[in-house]
Amino acid sequence: MYSRSLNPRSMKRLFIATKIELNEQYMNLLRQLQNQLSGDRIVWVDSQLQHLTLRFLGQTPDSQIPQLKKAMNEVANQTQTFTLNMDKLGIFGSKYAPSVIWLGFSAFETYKILFEKMEERILELGFEPNHGNLVPHITLGRIKETQSKKYFWQVIEKNKPDFVQSFPITEITLYQSRLQPTGPIYTPLHTANLRGLER
């Protein structure tokens, strides 16, 4: 994608996302999972850092950032605000090697359209295509080791939500991610507001 000869100091690790705040029901669900799975090695995501990623960009030259901002503004201006309803607790990985605990959405067609618009512009800027299926999600924890797979899956099944949290999607933000020993630091670099509903 980009030359390895570029100075690392002129590169930033970037992603486009929407910040998410869990309501009390989902915060309670998170606390229950943390308590019931306390014997497993799971790196839980700080609730202050939770977000819904639209597109991970990776190491990006500083020179590309103005073009990314322009592309985000154009896509946002073509997209009306919409709502996502979070109602799923899911796992990435296999039954025998679960890797990520996440929250997600049963219906996300409008979000997929936003992704496709953004993806088209990102490819025009020279980024590699997004690989894999689009599964909008909020990461709760990254699983390093489970003591009992049977017990782990019992906990997941028992905690599947029977409630919904609605998220209004009104903006997309370009973040810089700095990986630190104490955890990642996310710095917003630019926010593009989606077009409000026409009156």
N, C-alpha and C. Protein backbone atom coordinates (compact mmCIF):
# COMPACT_ATOMS: atom_id res chain seq x y z
N MET A 1 0.83 -1.20 0.00
CA MET A 1 0.00 0.00 0.00
C MET A 1 0.86 1.25 0.00
N TYR A 2 1.70 1.39 1.05
CA TYR A 2 2.59 2.54 1.13
C TYR A 2 4.01 2.04 1.28
N SER A 3 4.97 2.85 0.83
CA SER A 3 6.38 2.45 0.86
C SER A 3 6.87 2.26 2.28
N ARG A 4 7.61 1.19 2.50
CA ARG A 4 8.20 0.93 3.81
C ARG A 4 9.30 1.93 4.14
N SER A 5 9.77 2.69 3.12
CA SER A 5 10.83 3.65 3.35
C SER A 5 10.34 4.94 4.00
N LEU A 6 9.02 5.08 4.13
CA LEU A 6 8.48 6.27 4.78
C LEU A 6 8.91 6.33 6.24
N ASN A 7 9.21 7.54 6.70
CA ASN A 7 9.60 7.74 8.09
C ASN A 7 8.43 7.36 9.00
N PRO A 8 8.64 6.42 9.96
CA PRO A 8 7.54 6.05 10.86
C PRO A 8 6.92 7.23 11.59
N ARG A 9 7.73 8.29 11.80
CA ARG A 9 7.21 9.46 12.50
C ARG A 9 6.20 10.23 11.65
N SER A 10 6.20 9.98 10.35
CA SER A 10 5.25 10.66 9.46
C SER A 10 4.03 9.77 9.19
N MET A 11 3.89 8.70 9.99
CA MET A 11 2.77 7.76 9.83
C MET A 11 1.93 7.76 11.11
N LYS A 12 0.64 7.53 10.97
CA LYS A 12 -0.25 7.40 12.12
C LYS A 12 -1.13 6.16 11.93
N ARG A 13 -1.41 5.48 13.03
CA ARG A 13 -2.30 4.31 13.02
C ARG A 13 -3.73 4.84 13.16
N LEU A 14 -4.54 4.69 12.12
CA LEU A 14 -5.83 5.37 12.05
C LEU A 14 -7.01 4.40 11.91
N PHE A 15 -8.17 4.85 12.36
CA PHE A 15 -9.42 4.15 12.07
C PHE A 15 -10.56 5.16 12.11
N ILE A 16 -11.66 4.82 11.45
CA ILE A 16 -12.86 5.66 11.42
C ILE A 16 -13.93 4.96 12.23
N ALA A 17 -14.56 5.69 13.15
CA ALA A 17 -15.51 5.04 14.06
C ALA A 17 -16.51 6.05 14.61
N THR A 18 -17.47 5.53 15.36
CA THR A 18 -18.42 6.34 16.12
C THR A 18 -18.29 5.94 17.59
N LYS A 19 -18.12 6.92 18.45
CA LYS A 19 -18.01 6.63 19.88
C LYS A 19 -19.34 6.11 20.42
N ILE A 20 -19.26 5.13 21.31
CA ILE A 20 -20.46 4.48 21.84
C ILE A 20 -20.43 4.53 23.37
N GLU A 21 -21.57 4.81 23.97
CA GLU A 21 -21.70 4.73 25.42
C GLU A 21 -22.81 3.74 25.75
N LEU A 22 -22.45 2.69 26.49
CA LEU A 22 -23.44 1.68 26.85
C LEU A 22 -24.39 2.22 27.91
N ASN A 23 -25.67 1.85 27.81
CA ASN A 23 -26.61 2.26 28.85
C ASN A 23 -26.46 1.35 30.08
N GLU A 24 -27.23 1.61 31.11
CA GLU A 24 -27.04 0.90 32.37
C GLU A 24 -27.31 -0.60 32.24
N GLN A 25 -28.29 -0.98 31.41
CA GLN A 25 -28.56 -2.40 31.21
C GLN A 25 -27.36 -3.12 30.63
N TYR A 26 -26.74 -2.51 29.63
CA TYR A 26 -25.58 -3.16 29.00
C TYR A 26 -24.34 -3.07 29.89
N MET A 27 -24.23 -2.00 30.68
CA MET A 27 -23.12 -1.94 31.64
C MET A 27 -23.27 -3.04 32.68
N ASN A 28 -24.50 -3.31 33.10
CA ASN A 28 -24.74 -4.41 34.04
C ASN A 28 -24.39 -5.75 33.40
N LEU A 29 -24.75 -5.92 32.14
CA LEU A 29 -24.40 -7.15 31.43
C LEU A 29 -22.88 -7.32 31.38
N LEU A 30 -22.17 -6.23 31.09
CA LEU A 30 -20.70 -6.28 31.04
C LEU A 30 -20.13 -6.67 32.39
N ARG A 31 -20.65 -6.08 33.46
CA ARG A 31 -20.15 -6.40 34.81
C ARG A 31 -20.42 -7.86 35.16
N GLN A 32 -21.59 -8.38 34.73
CA GLN A 32 -21.90 -9.79 34.98
C GLN A 32 -20.92 -10.71 34.26
N LEU A 33 -20.61 -10.38 33.02
CA LEU A 33 -19.65 -11.18 32.26
C LEU A 33 -18.28 -11.15 32.93
N GLN A 34 -17.85 -9.97 33.34
CA GLN A 34 -16.54 -9.84 33.98
C GLN A 34 -16.48 -10.64 35.28
N ASN A 35 -17.57 -10.63 36.02
CA ASN A 35 -17.62 -11.36 37.28
C ASN A 35 -17.66 -12.87 37.06
N GLN A 36 -18.52 -13.30 36.15
CA GLN A 36 -18.71 -14.74 35.93
C GLN A 36 -17.54 -15.38 35.19
N LEU A 37 -16.77 -14.58 34.45
CA LEU A 37 -15.63 -15.09 33.71
C LEU A 37 -14.30 -14.63 34.32
N SER A 38 -14.33 -14.30 35.60
CA SER A 38 -13.14 -13.75 36.27
C SER A 38 -11.99 -14.77 36.32
N GLY A 39 -12.30 -16.06 36.20
CA GLY A 39 -11.25 -17.07 36.21
C GLY A 39 -10.55 -17.25 34.89
N ASP A 40 -11.09 -16.63 33.83
CA ASP A 40 -10.49 -16.72 32.50
C ASP A 40 -9.56 -15.53 32.26
N ARG A 41 -8.64 -15.70 31.33
CA ARG A 41 -7.75 -14.60 30.96
C ARG A 41 -8.40 -13.84 29.80
N ILE A 42 -9.04 -12.71 30.16
CA ILE A 42 -9.73 -11.88 29.17
C ILE A 42 -9.29 -10.44 29.38
N VAL A 43 -8.87 -9.78 28.32
CA VAL A 43 -8.52 -8.36 28.38
C VAL A 43 -9.78 -7.56 28.04
N TRP A 44 -10.37 -6.95 29.06
CA TRP A 44 -11.62 -6.22 28.87
C TRP A 44 -11.32 -4.81 28.37
N VAL A 45 -12.12 -4.33 27.43
CA VAL A 45 -11.96 -2.98 26.88
C VAL A 45 -12.51 -1.97 27.87
N ASP A 46 -11.74 -0.93 28.14
CA ASP A 46 -12.19 0.17 28.99
C ASP A 46 -13.47 0.75 28.40
N SER A 47 -14.50 0.87 29.21
CA SER A 47 -15.80 1.36 28.72
C SER A 47 -15.70 2.76 28.13
N GLN A 48 -14.68 3.54 28.55
CA GLN A 48 -14.50 4.88 28.00
C GLN A 48 -13.96 4.86 26.57
N LEU A 49 -13.44 3.70 26.17
CA LEU A 49 -12.83 3.59 24.84
C LEU A 49 -13.71 2.83 23.84
N GLN A 50 -14.89 2.41 24.26
CA GLN A 50 -15.72 1.60 23.38
C GLN A 50 -16.24 2.42 22.20
N HIS A 51 -16.21 1.81 21.03
CA HIS A 51 -16.59 2.50 19.81
C HIS A 51 -17.08 1.49 18.78
N LEU A 52 -17.76 2.00 17.77
CA LEU A 52 -18.23 1.19 16.66
C LEU A 52 -17.38 1.54 15.44
N THR A 53 -16.48 0.64 15.05
CA THR A 53 -15.55 0.92 13.97
C THR A 53 -16.22 0.79 12.61
N LEU A 54 -16.10 1.83 11.81
CA LEU A 54 -16.59 1.78 10.43
C LEU A 54 -15.50 1.22 9.52
N ARG A 55 -14.26 1.66 9.72
CA ARG A 55 -13.16 1.19 8.86
C ARG A 55 -11.82 1.36 9.57
N PHE A 56 -11.08 0.27 9.73
CA PHE A 56 -9.71 0.34 10.23
C PHE A 56 -8.80 0.65 9.05
N LEU A 57 -7.91 1.63 9.21
CA LEU A 57 -7.05 2.07 8.13
C LEU A 57 -5.60 1.64 8.31
N GLY A 58 -5.16 1.48 9.56
CA GLY A 58 -3.79 1.08 9.82
C GLY A 58 -2.81 2.24 9.67
N GLN A 59 -1.53 1.89 9.52
CA GLN A 59 -0.49 2.90 9.41
C GLN A 59 -0.68 3.73 8.14
N THR A 60 -0.85 5.04 8.32
CA THR A 60 -1.21 5.94 7.23
C THR A 60 -0.29 7.15 7.22
N PRO A 61 0.24 7.53 6.06
CA PRO A 61 1.07 8.73 5.99
C PRO A 61 0.29 9.99 6.39
N ASP A 62 0.94 10.90 7.08
CA ASP A 62 0.30 12.16 7.45
C ASP A 62 -0.24 12.89 6.22
N SER A 63 0.44 12.72 5.08
CA SER A 63 0.03 13.42 3.86
C SER A 63 -1.35 12.98 3.35
N GLN A 64 -1.80 11.79 3.80
CA GLN A 64 -3.10 11.28 3.37
C GLN A 64 -4.26 11.81 4.21
N ILE A 65 -3.95 12.36 5.37
CA ILE A 65 -5.02 12.75 6.31
C ILE A 65 -5.95 13.83 5.74
N PRO A 66 -5.43 14.88 5.10
CA PRO A 66 -6.37 15.86 4.53
C PRO A 66 -7.33 15.25 3.52
N GLN A 67 -6.84 14.31 2.71
CA GLN A 67 -7.72 13.66 1.73
C GLN A 67 -8.76 12.78 2.42
N LEU A 68 -8.36 12.12 3.51
CA LEU A 68 -9.31 11.31 4.28
C LEU A 68 -10.40 12.19 4.88
N LYS A 69 -10.01 13.32 5.42
CA LYS A 69 -10.99 14.24 6.01
C LYS A 69 -11.99 14.71 4.95
N LYS A 70 -11.46 15.04 3.77
CA LYS A 70 -12.34 15.49 2.68
C LYS A 70 -13.30 14.38 2.28
N ALA A 71 -12.80 13.16 2.15
CA ALA A 71 -13.66 12.03 1.78
C ALA A 71 -14.73 11.78 2.83
N MET A 72 -14.35 11.85 4.10
CA MET A 72 -15.33 11.67 5.18
C MET A 72 -16.41 12.73 5.12
N ASN A 73 -16.03 13.98 4.89
CA ASN A 73 -17.01 15.07 4.81
C ASN A 73 -17.98 14.84 3.67
N GLU A 74 -17.47 14.40 2.52
CA GLU A 74 -18.33 14.20 1.36
C GLU A 74 -19.31 13.04 1.58
N VAL A 75 -18.81 11.95 2.16
CA VAL A 75 -19.68 10.80 2.43
C VAL A 75 -20.73 11.16 3.48
N ALA A 76 -20.31 11.85 4.53
CA ALA A 76 -21.24 12.24 5.60
C ALA A 76 -22.33 13.15 5.05
N ASN A 77 -21.96 14.04 4.13
CA ASN A 77 -22.93 14.97 3.56
C ASN A 77 -23.94 14.27 2.66
N GLN A 78 -23.61 13.05 2.21
CA GLN A 78 -24.51 12.27 1.37
C GLN A 78 -25.36 11.30 2.19
N THR A 79 -25.16 11.27 3.51
CA THR A 79 -25.79 10.25 4.35
C THR A 79 -26.62 10.90 5.44
N GLN A 80 -27.88 10.51 5.52
CA GLN A 80 -28.73 11.02 6.59
C GLN A 80 -28.45 10.28 7.89
N THR A 81 -28.68 10.96 8.99
CA THR A 81 -28.56 10.33 10.30
C THR A 81 -29.51 9.14 10.38
N PHE A 82 -29.13 8.13 11.16
CA PHE A 82 -29.97 6.94 11.30
C PHE A 82 -29.73 6.33 12.67
N THR A 83 -30.47 5.27 12.97
CA THR A 83 -30.40 4.63 14.28
C THR A 83 -30.08 3.15 14.13
N LEU A 84 -29.19 2.66 15.00
CA LEU A 84 -28.90 1.23 15.10
C LEU A 84 -29.44 0.72 16.43
N ASN A 85 -30.00 -0.48 16.42
CA ASN A 85 -30.53 -1.09 17.64
C ASN A 85 -29.66 -2.28 18.04
N MET A 86 -28.95 -2.12 19.14
CA MET A 86 -28.05 -3.18 19.61
C MET A 86 -28.84 -4.21 20.42
N ASP A 87 -28.73 -5.50 20.01
CA ASP A 87 -29.54 -6.53 20.65
C ASP A 87 -28.84 -7.89 20.67
N LYS A 88 -27.52 -7.93 20.39
CA LYS A 88 -26.83 -9.21 20.28
C LYS A 88 -25.57 -9.24 21.15
N LEU A 89 -25.32 -10.42 21.71
CA LEU A 89 -24.04 -10.73 22.35
C LEU A 89 -23.41 -11.84 21.53
N GLY A 90 -22.22 -11.60 21.00
CA GLY A 90 -21.62 -12.56 20.09
C GLY A 90 -20.17 -12.87 20.41
N ILE A 91 -19.64 -13.87 19.73
CA ILE A 91 -18.26 -14.31 19.91
C ILE A 91 -17.61 -14.47 18.53
N PHE A 92 -16.41 -13.93 18.38
CA PHE A 92 -15.59 -14.24 17.22
C PHE A 92 -14.67 -15.41 17.58
N GLY A 93 -14.28 -16.17 16.55
CA GLY A 93 -13.49 -17.36 16.79
C GLY A 93 -14.38 -18.59 16.72
N SER A 94 -13.80 -19.72 16.99
CA SER A 94 -14.55 -20.98 16.92
C SER A 94 -15.08 -21.37 18.29
N LYS A 95 -15.88 -22.42 18.31
CA LYS A 95 -16.41 -22.95 19.58
C LYS A 95 -15.28 -23.37 20.50
N TYR A 96 -14.19 -23.87 19.89
CA TYR A 96 -13.08 -24.39 20.69
C TYR A 96 -12.00 -23.34 20.95
N ALA A 97 -12.03 -22.25 20.19
CA ALA A 97 -11.02 -21.20 20.38
C ALA A 97 -11.68 -19.83 20.24
N PRO A 98 -12.56 -19.45 21.17
CA PRO A 98 -13.18 -18.13 21.11
C PRO A 98 -12.13 -17.05 21.30
N SER A 99 -12.26 -15.94 20.56
CA SER A 99 -11.21 -14.92 20.62
C SER A 99 -11.69 -13.54 21.07
N VAL A 100 -12.95 -13.19 20.77
CA VAL A 100 -13.46 -11.86 21.10
C VAL A 100 -14.91 -11.95 21.56
N ILE A 101 -15.24 -11.23 22.62
CA ILE A 101 -16.63 -11.08 23.07
C ILE A 101 -17.11 -9.71 22.57
N TRP A 102 -18.27 -9.69 21.91
CA TRP A 102 -18.73 -8.42 21.34
C TRP A 102 -20.24 -8.25 21.45
N LEU A 103 -20.67 -7.02 21.29
CA LEU A 103 -22.09 -6.67 21.19
C LEU A 103 -22.36 -6.22 19.76
N GLY A 104 -23.55 -6.58 19.25
CA GLY A 104 -23.83 -6.26 17.86
C GLY A 104 -25.29 -6.01 17.58
N PHE A 105 -25.62 -6.06 16.31
CA PHE A 105 -26.92 -5.59 15.82
C PHE A 105 -27.51 -6.62 14.85
N SER A 106 -28.80 -6.89 14.99
CA SER A 106 -29.46 -7.84 14.09
C SER A 106 -29.69 -7.23 12.72
N ALA A 107 -29.97 -5.93 12.68
CA ALA A 107 -30.24 -5.24 11.41
C ALA A 107 -29.31 -4.04 11.28
N PHE A 108 -28.58 -3.97 10.14
CA PHE A 108 -27.65 -2.85 9.97
C PHE A 108 -27.50 -2.47 8.50
N GLU A 109 -28.58 -2.56 7.74
CA GLU A 109 -28.51 -2.29 6.31
C GLU A 109 -28.05 -0.86 6.03
N THR A 110 -28.56 0.12 6.80
CA THR A 110 -28.18 1.51 6.57
C THR A 110 -26.71 1.73 6.89
N TYR A 111 -26.23 1.06 7.92
CA TYR A 111 -24.81 1.15 8.28
C TYR A 111 -23.95 0.55 7.17
N LYS A 112 -24.42 -0.53 6.58
CA LYS A 112 -23.68 -1.16 5.47
C LYS A 112 -23.57 -0.22 4.28
N ILE A 113 -24.63 0.53 4.01
CA ILE A 113 -24.59 1.50 2.91
C ILE A 113 -23.56 2.58 3.20
N LEU A 114 -23.52 3.07 4.46
CA LEU A 114 -22.51 4.05 4.85
C LEU A 114 -21.11 3.48 4.67
N PHE A 115 -20.92 2.23 5.09
CA PHE A 115 -19.61 1.57 4.93
C PHE A 115 -19.22 1.50 3.45
N GLU A 116 -20.15 1.11 2.61
CA GLU A 116 -19.84 0.95 1.19
C GLU A 116 -19.47 2.29 0.54
N LYS A 117 -20.16 3.35 0.92
CA LYS A 117 -19.82 4.68 0.42
C LYS A 117 -18.41 5.07 0.84
N MET A 118 -18.09 4.84 2.12
CA MET A 118 -16.77 5.19 2.64
C MET A 118 -15.69 4.32 2.03
N GLU A 119 -16.00 3.05 1.85
CA GLU A 119 -15.02 2.11 1.29
C GLU A 119 -14.63 2.53 -0.14
N GLU A 120 -15.60 2.95 -0.91
CA GLU A 120 -15.32 3.38 -2.28
C GLU A 120 -14.32 4.53 -2.30
N ARG A 121 -14.51 5.49 -1.41
CA ARG A 121 -13.60 6.64 -1.36
C ARG A 121 -12.23 6.25 -0.83
N ILE A 122 -12.20 5.35 0.14
CA ILE A 122 -10.94 4.91 0.72
C ILE A 122 -10.09 4.18 -0.31
N LEU A 123 -10.72 3.35 -1.12
CA LEU A 123 -9.99 2.63 -2.17
C LEU A 123 -9.43 3.61 -3.19
N GLU A 124 -10.17 4.67 -3.48
CA GLU A 124 -9.68 5.69 -4.42
C GLU A 124 -8.42 6.37 -3.90
N LEU A 125 -8.25 6.39 -2.57
CA LEU A 125 -7.08 7.03 -1.97
C LEU A 125 -5.88 6.09 -1.88
N GLY A 126 -6.06 4.85 -2.35
CA GLY A 126 -4.93 3.93 -2.41
C GLY A 126 -4.82 2.94 -1.28
N PHE A 127 -5.84 2.85 -0.42
CA PHE A 127 -5.81 1.88 0.67
C PHE A 127 -6.17 0.49 0.15
N GLU A 128 -5.71 -0.53 0.87
CA GLU A 128 -6.07 -1.90 0.53
C GLU A 128 -7.56 -2.12 0.82
N PRO A 129 -8.23 -3.01 0.07
CA PRO A 129 -9.65 -3.30 0.34
C PRO A 129 -9.84 -3.89 1.73
N ASN A 130 -11.02 -3.65 2.27
CA ASN A 130 -11.38 -4.28 3.53
C ASN A 130 -11.58 -5.78 3.30
N HIS A 131 -11.02 -6.59 4.17
CA HIS A 131 -11.14 -8.05 4.02
C HIS A 131 -12.14 -8.59 5.04
N GLY A 132 -12.89 -9.58 4.64
CA GLY A 132 -13.85 -10.20 5.53
C GLY A 132 -15.22 -9.57 5.43
N ASN A 133 -16.19 -10.23 6.04
CA ASN A 133 -17.57 -9.73 6.04
C ASN A 133 -17.72 -8.57 7.01
N LEU A 134 -18.63 -7.67 6.69
CA LEU A 134 -18.93 -6.56 7.58
C LEU A 134 -19.80 -7.05 8.73
N VAL A 135 -19.27 -6.96 9.95
CA VAL A 135 -20.03 -7.32 11.16
C VAL A 135 -19.88 -6.16 12.14
N PRO A 136 -20.77 -5.15 12.06
CA PRO A 136 -20.65 -4.03 13.00
C PRO A 136 -20.73 -4.54 14.44
N HIS A 137 -19.77 -4.12 15.27
CA HIS A 137 -19.75 -4.64 16.63
C HIS A 137 -18.98 -3.73 17.57
N ILE A 138 -19.24 -3.91 18.84
CA ILE A 138 -18.51 -3.22 19.91
C ILE A 138 -17.77 -4.28 20.70
N THR A 139 -16.44 -4.20 20.70
CA THR A 139 -15.64 -5.20 21.39
C THR A 139 -15.72 -4.99 22.90
N LEU A 140 -16.08 -6.05 23.62
CA LEU A 140 -16.09 -6.00 25.09
C LEU A 140 -14.79 -6.55 25.68
N GLY A 141 -14.30 -7.65 25.11
CA GLY A 141 -13.10 -8.26 25.66
C GLY A 141 -12.41 -9.17 24.66
N ARG A 142 -11.08 -9.26 24.80
CA ARG A 142 -10.28 -10.16 23.95
C ARG A 142 -9.83 -11.34 24.80
N ILE A 143 -10.18 -12.53 24.35
CA ILE A 143 -10.00 -13.75 25.14
C ILE A 143 -8.61 -14.32 24.91
N LYS A 144 -7.85 -14.46 25.98
CA LYS A 144 -6.51 -15.05 25.90
C LYS A 144 -6.55 -16.54 26.26
N GLU A 145 -7.38 -16.90 27.25
CA GLU A 145 -7.46 -18.30 27.69
C GLU A 145 -8.72 -18.50 28.50
N THR A 146 -9.38 -19.64 28.31
CA THR A 146 -10.54 -19.99 29.13
C THR A 146 -10.25 -21.27 29.88
N GLN A 147 -10.67 -21.32 31.14
CA GLN A 147 -10.43 -22.52 31.96
C GLN A 147 -11.31 -23.67 31.54
N SER A 148 -12.55 -23.34 31.18
CA SER A 148 -13.50 -24.38 30.76
C SER A 148 -14.34 -23.84 29.62
N LYS A 149 -14.19 -24.45 28.44
CA LYS A 149 -14.98 -24.01 27.29
C LYS A 149 -16.47 -24.20 27.55
N LYS A 150 -16.83 -25.31 28.19
CA LYS A 150 -18.24 -25.58 28.48
C LYS A 150 -18.83 -24.49 29.35
N TYR A 151 -18.12 -24.13 30.43
CA TYR A 151 -18.62 -23.09 31.34
C TYR A 151 -18.67 -21.75 30.62
N PHE A 152 -17.64 -21.45 29.82
CA PHE A 152 -17.60 -20.18 29.08
C PHE A 152 -18.86 -20.02 28.22
N TRP A 153 -19.19 -21.05 27.46
CA TRP A 153 -20.35 -20.94 26.57
C TRP A 153 -21.66 -20.91 27.35
N GLN A 154 -21.70 -21.54 28.50
CA GLN A 154 -22.89 -21.46 29.35
C GLN A 154 -23.10 -20.01 29.81
N VAL A 155 -22.01 -19.34 30.18
CA VAL A 155 -22.10 -17.95 30.62
C VAL A 155 -22.58 -17.06 29.47
N ILE A 156 -22.03 -17.24 28.29
CA ILE A 156 -22.43 -16.43 27.13
C ILE A 156 -23.90 -16.64 26.83
N GLU A 157 -24.34 -17.90 26.82
CA GLU A 157 -25.74 -18.20 26.52
C GLU A 157 -26.67 -17.59 27.56
N LYS A 158 -26.28 -17.67 28.82
CA LYS A 158 -27.12 -17.18 29.92
C LYS A 158 -27.26 -15.65 29.90
N ASN A 159 -26.25 -14.96 29.34
CA ASN A 159 -26.24 -13.50 29.38
C ASN A 159 -26.68 -12.84 28.08
N LYS A 160 -27.19 -13.62 27.13
CA LYS A 160 -27.65 -13.00 25.89
C LYS A 160 -28.81 -12.04 26.21
N PRO A 161 -28.72 -10.81 25.72
CA PRO A 161 -29.68 -9.78 26.13
C PRO A 161 -31.09 -10.02 25.58
N ASP A 162 -32.07 -9.65 26.38
CA ASP A 162 -33.46 -9.64 25.92
C ASP A 162 -33.96 -8.20 25.91
N PHE A 163 -33.02 -7.26 25.75
CA PHE A 163 -33.34 -5.83 25.71
C PHE A 163 -32.55 -5.19 24.57
N VAL A 164 -32.90 -3.96 24.24
CA VAL A 164 -32.30 -3.26 23.09
C VAL A 164 -31.82 -1.89 23.54
N GLN A 165 -30.66 -1.48 23.02
CA GLN A 165 -30.22 -0.09 23.17
C GLN A 165 -30.13 0.53 21.79
N SER A 166 -30.78 1.68 21.62
CA SER A 166 -30.76 2.38 20.34
C SER A 166 -29.65 3.42 20.31
N PHE A 167 -28.88 3.43 19.22
CA PHE A 167 -27.79 4.38 19.05
C PHE A 167 -28.09 5.27 17.85
N PRO A 168 -28.25 6.57 18.04
CA PRO A 168 -28.35 7.46 16.88
C PRO A 168 -26.96 7.65 16.28
N ILE A 169 -26.82 7.37 15.00
CA ILE A 169 -25.54 7.57 14.30
C ILE A 169 -25.62 8.91 13.58
N THR A 170 -24.94 9.89 14.13
CA THR A 170 -25.02 11.26 13.63
C THR A 170 -23.69 11.79 13.11
N GLU A 171 -22.60 11.03 13.34
CA GLU A 171 -21.29 11.50 12.92
C GLU A 171 -20.32 10.34 12.80
N ILE A 172 -19.24 10.56 12.07
CA ILE A 172 -18.14 9.60 12.00
C ILE A 172 -16.85 10.37 12.32
N THR A 173 -15.96 9.71 13.04
CA THR A 173 -14.75 10.38 13.52
C THR A 173 -13.51 9.61 13.09
N LEU A 174 -12.49 10.34 12.67
CA LEU A 174 -11.18 9.77 12.36
C LEU A 174 -10.35 9.80 13.63
N TYR A 175 -9.90 8.61 14.08
CA TYR A 175 -9.12 8.49 15.30
C TYR A 175 -7.69 8.05 15.00
N GLN A 176 -6.77 8.57 15.80
CA GLN A 176 -5.42 8.02 15.84
C GLN A 176 -5.34 7.09 17.03
N SER A 177 -4.78 5.91 16.83
CA SER A 177 -4.62 4.92 17.90
C SER A 177 -3.14 4.80 18.25
N ARG A 178 -2.83 5.03 19.52
CA ARG A 178 -1.46 4.82 20.02
C ARG A 178 -1.50 3.65 21.00
N LEU A 179 -0.73 2.62 20.71
CA LEU A 179 -0.71 1.44 21.56
C LEU A 179 0.32 1.63 22.67
N GLN A 180 -0.14 1.57 23.92
CA GLN A 180 0.72 1.76 25.08
C GLN A 180 0.68 0.51 25.95
N PRO A 181 1.70 0.29 26.80
CA PRO A 181 1.68 -0.87 27.70
C PRO A 181 0.46 -0.89 28.62
N THR A 182 -0.06 0.30 28.95
CA THR A 182 -1.23 0.39 29.84
C THR A 182 -2.54 0.32 29.08
N GLY A 183 -2.47 0.23 27.75
CA GLY A 183 -3.68 0.17 26.93
C GLY A 183 -3.63 1.22 25.84
N PRO A 184 -4.52 1.13 24.84
CA PRO A 184 -4.50 2.08 23.73
C PRO A 184 -5.00 3.46 24.13
N ILE A 185 -4.51 4.46 23.41
CA ILE A 185 -4.99 5.83 23.56
C ILE A 185 -5.56 6.24 22.20
N TYR A 186 -6.82 6.69 22.20
CA TYR A 186 -7.48 7.10 20.97
C TYR A 186 -7.62 8.62 20.95
N THR A 187 -7.11 9.25 19.90
CA THR A 187 -7.17 10.70 19.77
C THR A 187 -7.99 11.06 18.54
N PRO A 188 -9.12 11.78 18.71
CA PRO A 188 -9.91 12.19 17.54
C PRO A 188 -9.17 13.25 16.73
N LEU A 189 -9.08 13.04 15.41
CA LEU A 189 -8.41 13.97 14.53
C LEU A 189 -9.39 14.79 13.69
N HIS A 190 -10.57 14.21 13.45
CA HIS A 190 -11.55 14.90 12.61
C HIS A 190 -12.91 14.24 12.78
N THR A 191 -13.96 15.04 12.84
CA THR A 191 -15.34 14.51 12.91
C THR A 191 -16.16 15.09 11.76
N ALA A 192 -16.88 14.21 11.07
CA ALA A 192 -17.77 14.63 9.98
C ALA A 192 -19.20 14.34 10.40
N ASN A 193 -20.05 15.35 10.38
CA ASN A 193 -21.44 15.19 10.79
C ASN A 193 -22.29 14.71 9.63
N LEU A 194 -23.08 13.65 9.91
CA LEU A 194 -24.03 13.17 8.90
C LEU A 194 -25.11 14.21 8.68
N ARG A 195 -25.71 14.14 7.52
CA ARG A 195 -26.76 15.12 7.17
C ARG A 195 -28.02 14.82 7.97
N GLY A 196 -28.57 15.83 8.60
CA GLY A 196 -29.77 15.66 9.38
C GLY A 196 -30.96 15.35 8.50
N LEU A 197 -31.99 14.79 9.10
CA LEU A 197 -33.21 14.47 8.34
C LEU A 197 -33.83 15.72 7.77
N GLU A 198 -34.26 15.61 6.52
CA GLU A 198 -34.90 16.76 5.88
C GLU A 198 -36.27 17.00 6.49
N ARG A 199 -36.60 18.26 6.68
CA ARG A 199 -37.88 18.60 7.29
C ARG A 199 -38.93 18.81 6.19
